[in-house]
Amino acid sequence: MKKTLATLALAATMVAGPAAAELVFPDLSYRTGPYAAGGVPFSDGYQDYFALVNARDGGIGGEMTKVIECETAYNTEKGVECYEATKGQGALIYQPLSTGITYQLIPKVSADNIPMHTLGYGRTSAANGKVFEWVFNYPSNYWDGASVAINHLLDENGGDLNGKKITLLYHNSAYGKEPIRTLEELSKKHGYELNIIAVDHPGQEQKSQWLQIRRERPDYVIMWGWGVMNQVAVQEAINIRFPMENFIGSWWSGAEHDVTPAGMDADGYKALNLHRVIDMPVFADIKKHVHEAGNAAGDGSNVGSVLYTRGMYAAMLAVEAAKTAQEIHGTAQITAVMMRDGLEALEITDAKMEALGMPGIGPSFSVSCEAHGGSGMALIQQWDAAAKVWKPLTDFIESDQEVIQALIKDDSEAYAAENSVKPRCQ
């Protein structure tokens, strides 16, 4: 009898995966290639936060964290190789920072029972936890972002966009194509004319696209760009004298390096953001416990920038999910399966953010079996070229959930049918 019980316990351990001596968080980074300007600060913020948790808090629940960095160069094939090379090292969660890599990893993490969090990127319909058990994309997704941009323009135009012309300038990739369907549906609802213009990777040549914009004279341009594409687009908009205040980037088109090369001419450019860019007590903690101790992931120059803050935010959400998993399962040595449970029971409140030294960094939200997408809110920020800072133009704006949830339902149910996924949460 004892031998049988021992055998069953061993089998259960093998299914769930071995409990690690350290809590392992892979970082599928890209410090090289045409998108390194965005990848470097994000990775610095991500890694520095785990280093802070180790140095200041003694780890998570008494267990030290370990970050395994693997360079992808924002290349989908390399991203998959990094996943395969690190998944057996006790990986608790993946955050690939690439929509292309995300699409390739969804079936893999689902088969391997390892959760993935795609903060503000990836497959939007993964917000439906009934279908995507192992994927989370809170606090907001691309369809939310597109809707928030339109809601902002509605506010700017007294609630009426009828007859307005809006152009979407997008990175010709899975990432850039994500908002198209949402913007099309919203154009039917609000009566604006939508035109879409693609920019091929990496986006250094855009003269023909901006000549087309000059000919068509849209009232607004919304940009879904990344990397050097953003810098080039801002400069080309300046070249044709397109008003910066009518140019709105996605939250991946609104970092400091996207606008500083254009100098004062970039003043007034707008962008979405998932979180606030403000001075917070956590930055002082990072400098004291991590940088002054010589353990910074980078050279220390990115602290407080947009993408450093976003990487730190992503790490904080992973840490809080790990704490939740420890509480649920009554053990500090959690597995990837347990980590998934923590992600699905995560609750981020205003009080929790303040206690973590990040007051107001983002909207409060909770996750459930059905809903993996968070609040769906974002704000609009505007570049102040003289001060060289992003200033919040709005508070967090709600997205049009009536439109978005219908799209999520259609897309996720189609995915479930194609991949023989049985919806859960019944």
Protein backbone atom coordinates (compact mmCIF):
# COMPACT_ATOMS: atom_id res chain seq x y z
CA MET A 1 0.00 0.00 0.00
CA LYS A 2 2.79 2.42 0.97
CA LYS A 3 4.68 1.55 -2.20
CA THR A 4 1.57 2.22 -4.31
CA LEU A 5 1.00 5.62 -2.65
CA ALA A 6 4.65 6.56 -3.19
CA THR A 7 4.37 5.62 -6.86
CA LEU A 8 1.22 7.73 -7.28
CA ALA A 9 2.88 10.70 -5.56
CA LEU A 10 5.90 10.45 -7.87
CA ALA A 11 3.64 10.25 -10.91
CA ALA A 12 1.73 13.35 -9.77
CA THR A 13 5.01 15.24 -9.33
CA MET A 14 6.11 14.27 -12.83
CA VAL A 15 2.83 15.52 -14.33
CA ALA A 16 2.93 18.84 -12.49
CA GLY A 17 6.65 19.34 -13.04
CA PRO A 18 9.38 19.37 -10.39
CA ALA A 19 9.35 22.05 -7.72
CA ALA A 20 12.40 24.26 -8.25
CA ALA A 21 14.96 25.23 -5.65
CA GLU A 22 14.65 28.73 -7.13
CA LEU A 23 11.67 30.37 -8.78
CA VAL A 24 12.69 30.64 -12.42
CA PHE A 25 11.49 33.44 -14.70
CA PRO A 26 12.90 33.31 -18.26
CA ASP A 27 13.47 36.61 -20.05
CA LEU A 28 13.12 36.23 -23.82
CA SER A 29 14.94 39.46 -24.47
CA TYR A 30 16.19 41.31 -27.51
CA ARG A 31 19.19 43.49 -26.86
CA THR A 32 20.29 43.25 -30.50
CA GLY A 33 18.66 43.89 -33.86
CA PRO A 34 16.41 46.66 -35.18
CA TYR A 35 14.09 46.54 -32.15
CA ALA A 36 16.76 46.64 -29.46
CA ALA A 37 15.94 50.24 -28.51
CA GLY A 38 12.67 48.95 -27.07
CA GLY A 39 13.87 45.54 -25.94
CA VAL A 40 16.76 46.80 -23.80
CA PRO A 41 14.87 49.08 -21.37
CA PHE A 42 12.02 46.58 -21.02
CA SER A 43 14.42 43.78 -20.15
CA ASP A 44 16.33 46.03 -17.74
CA GLY A 45 13.13 46.86 -15.87
CA TYR A 46 11.98 43.25 -15.86
CA GLN A 47 15.24 41.89 -14.47
CA ASP A 48 15.87 44.72 -12.02
CA TYR A 49 12.52 44.11 -10.32
CA PHE A 50 13.31 40.46 -9.66
CA ALA A 51 16.73 41.52 -8.35
CA LEU A 52 14.95 43.99 -6.05
CA VAL A 53 12.61 41.30 -4.75
CA ASN A 54 15.61 39.10 -3.94
CA ALA A 55 17.69 41.84 -2.28
CA ARG A 56 14.95 43.70 -0.40
CA ASP A 57 12.37 41.00 0.30
CA GLY A 58 14.41 37.81 0.42
CA GLY A 59 12.68 36.50 -2.69
CA ILE A 60 9.03 35.49 -3.06
CA GLY A 61 7.70 33.73 0.01
CA GLY A 62 11.27 33.01 1.08
CA GLU A 63 12.22 31.51 -2.30
CA MET A 64 14.83 33.39 -4.31
CA THR A 65 14.08 34.21 -7.94
CA LYS A 66 16.29 33.42 -10.91
CA VAL A 67 16.04 35.15 -14.28
CA ILE A 68 17.30 33.21 -17.29
CA GLU A 69 17.91 35.58 -20.20
CA CYS A 70 17.79 34.28 -23.77
CA GLU A 71 18.36 36.59 -26.74
CA THR A 72 15.72 36.42 -29.50
CA ALA A 73 16.61 39.54 -31.52
CA TYR A 74 12.80 39.84 -31.98
CA ASN A 75 13.05 36.87 -34.32
CA THR A 76 10.19 34.37 -34.08
CA GLU A 77 12.32 31.31 -34.82
CA LYS A 78 14.90 32.33 -32.22
CA GLY A 79 12.10 33.01 -29.74
CA VAL A 80 10.81 29.45 -30.11
CA GLU A 81 14.38 28.15 -29.73
CA CYS A 82 14.75 30.14 -26.51
CA TYR A 83 11.51 28.67 -25.20
CA GLU A 84 12.63 25.12 -25.94
CA ALA A 85 16.05 25.77 -24.38
CA THR A 86 14.68 27.17 -21.11
CA LYS A 87 11.35 25.46 -20.46
CA GLY A 88 12.97 22.48 -18.75
CA GLN A 89 14.85 24.64 -16.24
CA GLY A 90 11.86 25.16 -13.96
CA ALA A 91 10.31 28.00 -15.98
CA LEU A 92 7.21 29.36 -14.26
CA ILE A 93 5.99 31.84 -16.87
CA TYR A 94 6.96 33.27 -20.26
CA GLN A 95 6.68 36.90 -21.36
CA PRO A 96 8.08 36.94 -24.92
CA LEU A 97 7.50 40.65 -25.76
CA SER A 98 6.63 39.75 -29.34
CA THR A 99 3.28 39.04 -30.96
CA GLY A 100 4.91 36.80 -33.58
CA ILE A 101 6.63 34.68 -30.93
CA THR A 102 3.45 34.64 -28.88
CA TYR A 103 1.40 33.12 -31.72
CA GLN A 104 3.96 30.34 -32.10
CA LEU A 105 4.15 29.65 -28.37
CA ILE A 106 0.40 29.46 -27.63
CA PRO A 107 0.08 25.78 -28.67
CA LYS A 108 3.42 24.94 -27.04
CA VAL A 109 2.69 26.41 -23.61
CA SER A 110 -0.78 24.87 -23.73
CA ALA A 111 0.73 21.42 -24.37
CA ASP A 112 3.54 21.89 -21.84
CA ASN A 113 1.31 23.38 -19.11
CA ILE A 114 3.41 26.51 -18.68
CA PRO A 115 1.58 29.87 -18.49
CA MET A 116 2.35 32.83 -20.70
CA HIS A 117 1.60 36.49 -20.00
CA THR A 118 1.53 38.92 -22.93
CA LEU A 119 1.13 42.34 -21.36
CA GLY A 120 -0.58 44.52 -23.96
CA TYR A 121 0.44 42.39 -26.96
CA GLY A 122 -0.01 38.95 -28.49
CA ARG A 123 -3.28 37.31 -29.50
CA THR A 124 -6.09 39.59 -28.35
CA SER A 125 -8.72 36.85 -28.12
CA ALA A 126 -6.58 35.10 -25.50
CA ALA A 127 -8.49 37.35 -23.13
CA ASN A 128 -11.12 34.58 -23.24
CA GLY A 129 -9.91 32.27 -20.48
CA LYS A 130 -12.57 29.71 -21.40
CA VAL A 131 -10.55 28.88 -24.51
CA PHE A 132 -7.01 30.03 -23.66
CA GLU A 133 -6.36 28.37 -20.32
CA TRP A 134 -2.60 29.03 -20.30
CA VAL A 135 -2.45 32.52 -21.80
CA PHE A 136 -3.11 35.87 -20.09
CA ASN A 137 -2.96 39.35 -21.65
CA TYR A 138 -4.05 41.74 -18.90
CA PRO A 139 -4.32 44.64 -18.17
CA SER A 140 -5.34 45.61 -21.74
CA ASN A 141 -5.07 44.26 -25.27
CA TYR A 142 -4.65 45.70 -28.75
CA TRP A 143 -8.37 45.87 -29.44
CA ASP A 144 -8.81 47.79 -26.20
CA GLY A 145 -6.06 50.15 -27.31
CA ALA A 146 -7.65 50.81 -30.68
CA SER A 147 -10.97 51.51 -28.98
CA VAL A 148 -9.39 53.84 -26.41
CA ALA A 149 -7.78 55.83 -29.24
CA ILE A 150 -11.18 56.21 -30.93
CA ASN A 151 -12.86 57.11 -27.63
CA HIS A 152 -10.24 59.83 -27.14
CA LEU A 153 -10.97 61.21 -30.60
CA LEU A 154 -14.68 61.10 -29.82
CA ASP A 155 -13.99 63.19 -26.73
CA GLU A 156 -11.94 65.60 -28.85
CA ASN A 157 -14.80 65.97 -31.34
CA GLY A 158 -17.81 66.36 -29.10
CA GLY A 159 -18.75 62.69 -29.45
CA ASP A 160 -19.06 62.78 -33.25
CA LEU A 161 -16.56 61.30 -35.72
CA ASN A 162 -19.04 61.04 -38.59
CA GLY A 163 -17.31 61.92 -41.85
CA LYS A 164 -13.83 62.13 -40.31
CA LYS A 165 -10.95 60.39 -42.10
CA ILE A 166 -8.66 58.20 -39.99
CA THR A 167 -5.58 56.39 -41.30
CA LEU A 168 -4.01 53.40 -39.57
CA LEU A 169 -0.27 53.21 -40.30
CA TYR A 170 0.79 49.75 -39.18
CA HIS A 171 3.83 47.50 -38.92
CA ASN A 172 3.22 44.80 -41.54
CA SER A 173 3.28 41.91 -39.08
CA ALA A 174 0.95 39.98 -36.80
CA TYR A 175 1.41 42.79 -34.27
CA GLY A 176 0.56 45.62 -36.64
CA LYS A 177 -2.50 43.88 -38.07
CA GLU A 178 -4.15 43.28 -34.68
CA PRO A 179 -6.18 46.54 -34.45
CA ILE A 180 -7.53 46.49 -38.01
CA ARG A 181 -10.71 44.52 -37.35
CA THR A 182 -11.58 46.60 -34.31
CA LEU A 183 -11.08 49.88 -36.12
CA GLU A 184 -13.25 48.58 -38.98
CA GLU A 185 -16.07 47.67 -36.59
CA LEU A 186 -15.81 51.00 -34.81
CA SER A 187 -15.91 52.86 -38.15
CA LYS A 188 -19.30 51.24 -38.82
CA LYS A 189 -20.49 52.39 -35.41
CA HIS A 190 -19.13 55.94 -35.48
CA GLY A 191 -19.20 56.79 -39.18
CA TYR A 192 -15.55 57.64 -39.79
CA GLU A 193 -13.70 56.65 -42.97
CA LEU A 194 -10.84 54.21 -42.28
CA ASN A 195 -7.81 53.77 -44.50
CA ILE A 196 -4.99 51.35 -43.70
CA ILE A 197 -1.37 51.64 -44.83
CA ALA A 198 1.27 48.99 -44.15
CA VAL A 199 4.95 49.58 -43.43
CA ASP A 200 7.27 46.64 -44.02
CA HIS A 201 9.87 45.50 -41.48
CA PRO A 202 11.87 47.18 -40.08
CA GLY A 203 10.24 50.44 -41.20
CA GLN A 204 13.18 52.60 -42.25
CA GLU A 205 11.61 53.50 -45.60
CA GLN A 206 8.22 55.24 -45.39
CA LYS A 207 8.31 58.06 -47.93
CA SER A 208 5.66 56.55 -50.21
CA GLN A 209 3.33 55.93 -47.25
CA TRP A 210 3.57 59.51 -46.07
CA LEU A 211 3.14 60.88 -49.60
CA GLN A 212 -0.11 58.88 -49.68
CA ILE A 213 -1.12 60.39 -46.33
CA ARG A 214 -0.36 63.87 -47.67
CA ARG A 215 -2.55 63.21 -50.72
CA GLU A 216 -5.44 61.74 -48.74
CA ARG A 217 -5.24 64.34 -45.96
CA PRO A 218 -6.74 62.31 -43.09
CA ASP A 219 -7.92 64.12 -40.00
CA TYR A 220 -6.00 61.71 -37.79
CA VAL A 221 -3.28 59.09 -38.10
CA ILE A 222 -3.12 56.18 -35.66
CA MET A 223 0.17 54.27 -35.71
CA TRP A 224 0.82 50.66 -34.70
CA GLY A 225 4.59 50.79 -34.91
CA TRP A 226 7.65 49.39 -33.19
CA GLY A 227 11.37 50.02 -33.24
CA VAL A 228 12.90 52.30 -35.83
CA MET A 229 9.55 52.53 -37.63
CA ASN A 230 8.33 54.92 -34.95
CA GLN A 231 11.23 57.35 -35.26
CA VAL A 232 10.99 57.39 -39.04
CA ALA A 233 7.21 57.91 -38.97
CA VAL A 234 7.47 60.86 -36.58
CA GLN A 235 10.09 62.50 -38.82
CA GLU A 236 8.11 61.84 -42.01
CA ALA A 237 5.00 63.32 -40.38
CA ILE A 238 7.05 66.42 -39.59
CA ASN A 239 8.33 66.52 -43.17
CA ILE A 240 4.79 66.73 -44.59
CA ARG A 241 3.73 69.08 -41.78
CA PHE A 242 1.14 66.71 -40.39
CA PRO A 243 -0.05 68.14 -37.04
CA MET A 244 1.52 66.20 -34.18
CA GLU A 245 -1.55 66.55 -31.97
CA ASN A 246 -3.51 64.55 -34.57
CA PHE A 247 -0.94 61.72 -34.63
CA ILE A 248 -1.51 58.96 -32.04
CA GLY A 249 0.79 55.98 -31.54
CA SER A 250 0.06 52.66 -29.87
CA TRP A 251 1.61 51.97 -26.46
CA TRP A 252 4.57 50.45 -28.34
CA SER A 253 4.99 53.72 -30.26
CA GLY A 254 5.24 56.02 -27.27
CA ALA A 255 8.70 55.72 -25.71
CA GLU A 256 11.30 58.45 -25.31
CA HIS A 257 13.55 57.15 -28.08
CA ASP A 258 10.64 57.31 -30.53
CA VAL A 259 10.48 61.10 -30.36
CA THR A 260 13.78 62.55 -29.12
CA PRO A 261 15.59 62.23 -32.48
CA ALA A 262 13.08 64.70 -33.99
CA GLY A 263 13.84 67.35 -31.39
CA MET A 264 11.33 70.13 -30.79
CA ASP A 265 9.37 69.26 -33.94
CA ALA A 266 7.95 66.16 -32.21
CA ASP A 267 6.23 68.31 -29.59
CA GLY A 268 2.56 67.40 -29.17
CA TYR A 269 2.77 63.85 -30.53
CA LYS A 270 0.41 61.52 -28.65
CA ALA A 271 0.53 57.86 -27.69
CA LEU A 272 -1.47 55.32 -25.74
CA ASN A 273 -0.06 53.92 -22.52
CA LEU A 274 -0.99 50.95 -20.35
CA HIS A 275 0.46 52.59 -17.26
CA ARG A 276 1.52 55.92 -15.86
CA VAL A 277 5.04 57.24 -16.30
CA ILE A 278 5.64 58.95 -12.97
CA ASP A 279 8.25 59.02 -10.24
CA MET A 280 7.49 56.22 -7.78
CA PRO A 281 9.10 55.03 -4.54
CA VAL A 282 9.99 51.69 -6.15
CA PHE A 283 12.60 53.41 -8.33
CA ALA A 284 14.49 54.60 -5.25
CA ASP A 285 14.37 51.05 -3.89
CA ILE A 286 15.79 49.68 -7.15
CA LYS A 287 18.63 52.20 -7.15
CA LYS A 288 19.45 51.46 -3.50
CA HIS A 289 19.14 47.67 -3.42
CA VAL A 290 20.05 46.76 -6.99
CA HIS A 291 22.06 49.44 -8.77
CA GLU A 292 24.18 50.62 -5.87
CA ALA A 293 24.93 46.98 -5.11
CA GLY A 294 26.26 46.54 -8.64
CA ASN A 295 23.50 44.21 -9.79
CA ALA A 296 21.74 46.34 -12.41
CA ALA A 297 20.65 44.52 -15.55
CA GLY A 298 21.84 47.45 -17.69
CA ASP A 299 23.80 50.65 -17.24
CA GLY A 300 21.16 52.26 -15.01
CA SER A 301 20.20 54.98 -17.49
CA ASN A 302 16.74 53.63 -18.28
CA VAL A 303 15.18 53.78 -14.81
CA GLY A 304 11.83 55.59 -14.96
CA SER A 305 11.57 55.57 -18.75
CA VAL A 306 8.41 54.30 -20.43
CA LEU A 307 9.64 50.85 -21.39
CA TYR A 308 11.74 50.31 -18.27
CA THR A 309 8.61 51.04 -16.26
CA ARG A 310 6.62 48.60 -18.41
CA GLY A 311 9.16 45.83 -17.92
CA MET A 312 9.13 46.46 -14.17
CA TYR A 313 5.32 46.45 -14.22
CA ALA A 314 5.28 43.11 -16.04
CA ALA A 315 7.66 41.64 -13.47
CA MET A 316 5.57 42.98 -10.59
CA LEU A 317 2.47 41.28 -11.97
CA ALA A 318 4.38 38.01 -12.27
CA VAL A 319 5.64 38.31 -8.69
CA GLU A 320 2.17 39.03 -7.34
CA ALA A 321 0.78 36.06 -9.28
CA ALA A 322 3.51 33.87 -7.78
CA LYS A 323 2.57 35.07 -4.28
CA THR A 324 -1.06 34.27 -5.03
CA ALA A 325 -0.09 30.78 -6.23
CA GLN A 326 1.88 30.19 -3.03
CA GLU A 327 -1.14 31.17 -0.96
CA ILE A 328 -3.49 28.96 -2.96
CA HIS A 329 -1.30 25.88 -2.78
CA GLY A 330 0.26 26.39 0.63
CA THR A 331 3.82 26.06 -0.61
CA ALA A 332 6.57 28.49 -1.56
CA GLN A 333 8.08 26.07 -4.09
CA ILE A 334 5.43 26.44 -6.75
CA THR A 335 5.38 24.75 -10.15
CA ALA A 336 4.29 26.20 -13.49
CA VAL A 337 0.87 24.59 -13.06
CA MET A 338 0.49 26.28 -9.68
CA MET A 339 1.72 29.57 -11.18
CA ARG A 340 -1.13 29.40 -13.69
CA ASP A 341 -3.59 29.20 -10.81
CA GLY A 342 -2.01 32.30 -9.28
CA LEU A 343 -2.30 34.21 -12.55
CA GLU A 344 -5.96 33.31 -12.81
CA ALA A 345 -6.73 34.38 -9.23
CA LEU A 346 -4.67 37.59 -9.40
CA GLU A 347 -6.20 40.77 -8.02
CA ILE A 348 -4.42 44.10 -8.34
CA THR A 349 -5.91 46.80 -6.13
CA ASP A 350 -4.99 50.43 -5.54
CA ALA A 351 -3.89 49.51 -2.01
CA LYS A 352 -1.63 46.74 -3.28
CA MET A 353 0.05 49.00 -5.85
CA GLU A 354 0.67 51.63 -3.18
CA ALA A 355 2.13 49.05 -0.78
CA LEU A 356 4.51 47.93 -3.53
CA GLY A 357 5.80 51.46 -4.06
CA MET A 358 3.90 51.87 -7.33
CA PRO A 359 0.88 53.99 -6.43
CA GLY A 360 -1.41 54.44 -9.40
CA ILE A 361 0.91 52.77 -11.90
CA GLY A 362 -2.11 51.22 -13.60
CA PRO A 363 -5.82 50.62 -13.18
CA SER A 364 -7.01 48.09 -10.63
CA PHE A 365 -8.21 44.79 -12.09
CA SER A 366 -8.87 41.16 -11.30
CA VAL A 367 -8.53 37.97 -13.30
CA SER A 368 -10.89 34.99 -13.43
CA CYS A 369 -11.36 31.70 -15.24
CA GLU A 370 -13.45 33.42 -17.89
CA ALA A 371 -11.60 36.73 -18.13
CA HIS A 372 -7.83 36.84 -18.71
CA GLY A 373 -7.77 40.36 -20.16
CA GLY A 374 -7.89 42.80 -17.24
CA SER A 375 -9.55 46.20 -17.19
CA GLY A 376 -9.18 47.05 -20.88
CA MET A 377 -8.26 50.63 -19.97
CA ALA A 378 -5.46 52.87 -21.23
CA LEU A 379 -4.55 56.54 -21.11
CA ILE A 380 -3.34 59.06 -23.66
CA GLN A 381 0.02 60.70 -23.08
CA GLN A 382 1.58 63.61 -24.97
CA TRP A 383 5.21 64.43 -25.66
CA ASP A 384 6.55 67.68 -24.18
CA ALA A 385 9.64 68.24 -26.29
CA ALA A 386 10.95 71.15 -24.21
CA ALA A 387 10.85 69.17 -20.97
CA LYS A 388 11.67 65.88 -22.75
CA VAL A 389 8.95 64.03 -20.85
CA TRP A 390 5.68 62.29 -21.56
CA LYS A 391 2.80 64.03 -19.85
CA PRO A 392 -0.56 62.35 -19.19
CA LEU A 393 -3.23 64.03 -21.29
CA THR A 394 -6.07 61.92 -19.89
CA ASP A 395 -6.86 59.58 -17.04
CA PHE A 396 -7.44 55.91 -17.86
CA ILE A 397 -10.14 55.62 -20.53
CA GLU A 398 -12.50 52.68 -20.87
CA SER A 399 -12.69 50.76 -24.14
CA ASP A 400 -15.89 49.82 -25.96
CA GLN A 401 -16.50 46.42 -24.40
CA GLU A 402 -19.71 45.85 -26.34
CA VAL A 403 -17.74 45.78 -29.60
CA ILE A 404 -14.59 44.16 -28.25
CA GLN A 405 -16.18 41.30 -26.34
CA ALA A 406 -18.17 40.31 -29.41
CA LEU A 407 -14.94 40.21 -31.45
CA ILE A 408 -13.14 38.23 -28.75
CA LYS A 409 -16.00 35.72 -28.61
CA ASP A 410 -16.02 35.20 -32.37
CA ASP A 411 -12.25 34.87 -32.72
CA SER A 412 -11.70 32.64 -29.68
CA GLU A 413 -14.58 30.33 -30.59
CA ALA A 414 -13.18 29.98 -34.11
CA TYR A 415 -9.79 29.11 -32.59
CA ALA A 416 -11.42 26.54 -30.31
CA ALA A 417 -13.21 24.90 -33.23
CA GLU A 418 -10.06 24.80 -35.38
CA ASN A 419 -7.91 23.37 -32.60
CA SER A 420 -10.44 21.07 -30.92
CA VAL A 421 -10.31 23.05 -27.67
CA LYS A 422 -13.17 22.32 -25.31
CA PRO A 423 -14.20 25.56 -23.53
CA ARG A 424 -13.96 25.37 -19.75
CA CYS A 425 -15.34 27.43 -16.83
CA GLN A 426 -18.71 25.74 -17.25
